[in-house]
Amino acid sequence: MGRAAREAAEALRSATAGQRSDAIRAMAKHVRARSADILAANAEDVAAATSMIDRLMLNEERVEGIAKALEEIAALPDPVGKVAESWTRPNGLEISRVRTPIGVIGMIYESRPNVTADAAAICIRSGNAIILRSGSEALRSALAIHQALADGLQEAGLPRETVQVVTTADRDAVGLMLHGLAGTIDLIIPRGGKALVERVTKEARVPVLGHLEGVCHTYVHSSADPEMAAEIVRNAKMRRVSVCGSTETLLIDREAAQAMLPRIAEALDGCELRGDEAARAIVPMAPATEADWHAEYLAPILAVKTVGGMGDAIAHIARYGTGHTEAIVADDERAAEQFLSEVDSAIVIWNASTQYADGGEFGFGAEIGIATGKLHARGPVGPEQLTSFKYQVRGSGQTRP
C-alpha cells in the first residue's frame, strides 16, 4: 500500500488543478450512486456498535451531506503551485517560495464515516495521496465509501491508489503505519480520542500533525457586556459539548463576577458547574479540584475560576491550556488586543464563541483536524495546511564567486 501510494502521489503531483477538481466532483457523484451500498454497510457497523452510535450512523441525508462536502472542497482554491512570496536578488536571481504537496499522508481515525471522504478530498485538493486507517467500528462504512471514491478517481484519470483504506481492523496495522511503511509515509494525522492520539504521539517514527486535547477557555473581562458574555459562554459550552472547540473552563474577573456570573449560570441551564471558592460564594455549584482545571470534559460540565485580571487569566491558560482555542469577552479593545497578542494558542478569539474553531467556519471547506503544535501547521488543517513549500530559483547564467 505504501509503494502504491508513493506512485500515486507522483502521478498526482503532475496532475492539473482542474484534474484534481474533476476527481473530487466525480467522487461526489459516485458517493450518491453508491448510497444504497454505503447505507447497507453502515447498518452493519451500527448493529455491531456498543457506543457512539450517533457519530457512526449514516442516513440518506448524511450521505448527501458527504457528497456536498466533496463538492465544496472541489470548489476551493487549489494551493499547489501557489507562489507565497517572490523576490529578485541584486545579482539578478529570481527566487520564489512555491507551495508543493507533502506526498503521502497516513491518517488514523475513529467513528465518523464522513472523515473517510473529507480527508481523501482534502488530500487530493492539496496534491497528496492518502492511506486511511478507520477504527474497527466504522470499517465497513469506510470501505464502502472508499469504493465510491476510487471509482471517481478512476473516472477522472487518476490512480485509484491515490486513496486507500486499510482493510483490516488489526491494531498491528496502526503500528506499521506509525513506522512509516518503509519510508513511504511522509506525515501521520491522528483524529480520535485521547488514547489514540497518545499512542500515535508516543510510537510514531514519522512526523505527526494533530492535537492531544482541547482544554479551551473563555475569559470574561470586567469590561464585557453581560448579555453578550452570557450568550457567548452558553454557546461556547453547550452548542455541542463533544467537539474539541467546546469551552471547558470559564475564567471571570472577580470584580465583575458578582454581577455577571449569576446571569451566565442561568444561561448555562443543564450544565454542571464546578467552581473555586469565590465562584461558589456567588452561585451554588460543586467545588472544583486541581483536576478540573486540566479536564477536557466533552460533556455538559464547566469549570469556573475567578481571576484577578488579565495577567491571572493569561497565566492560568499558559499553565492549564493545551494550545487549542481561547476566547475573551470584552468591550475594552486594549484588553482584547493584549489577550490576542499574549495568549499562545492556535486560535485566539475576541467576542465570539470558541466553537468557531472549525475549518469550515474559517473558510477552508472541510478540515482534517485542529493542529495545536507550533511547527508547519497550526489551527484548522485544510488543503493549504497540507502543503509544504520549495524554493524555485531562476537565473540567467549566474555563477557564485
Foldseek 3Di string as FASTA:
>chain_A
DLVLQQVLLVVLQPDDLVLLLQLLLQLLVLLLVLVVQLQVLLVVLLVPDDDPNVQSHDDNVVSNVLSVLSNLLSPDDQQFQDFPDWDADPVGKIKTKGWGFLEEEEEEEERHLSLLSQVLSLQSSLSYAYEYEYAPSRLSSSVSSLVSSLVSCVVSVGHSRSYHYDNDNDPVVVLCVLAPVVVSHAEYEYYYALVVVVVSVVRHPHHYFYFRAQAEEEEEAQQFDLVLVLVQLLCLCPVQLQDRLRHAEYEYALVNCLPRVVSNVVSLPPAAEAEDPSNCVRPPHHHDDPVSLQDSPSDRYHYYYYDNGLVRVLVSCVVRGRQAEYEYGHPDPVSLVCQVPRRRHLYYYYSHHSVCQACVSVVQRHFSHAGTDDPQDGGTHGNSSSIDIDMDMDDDDDDDD
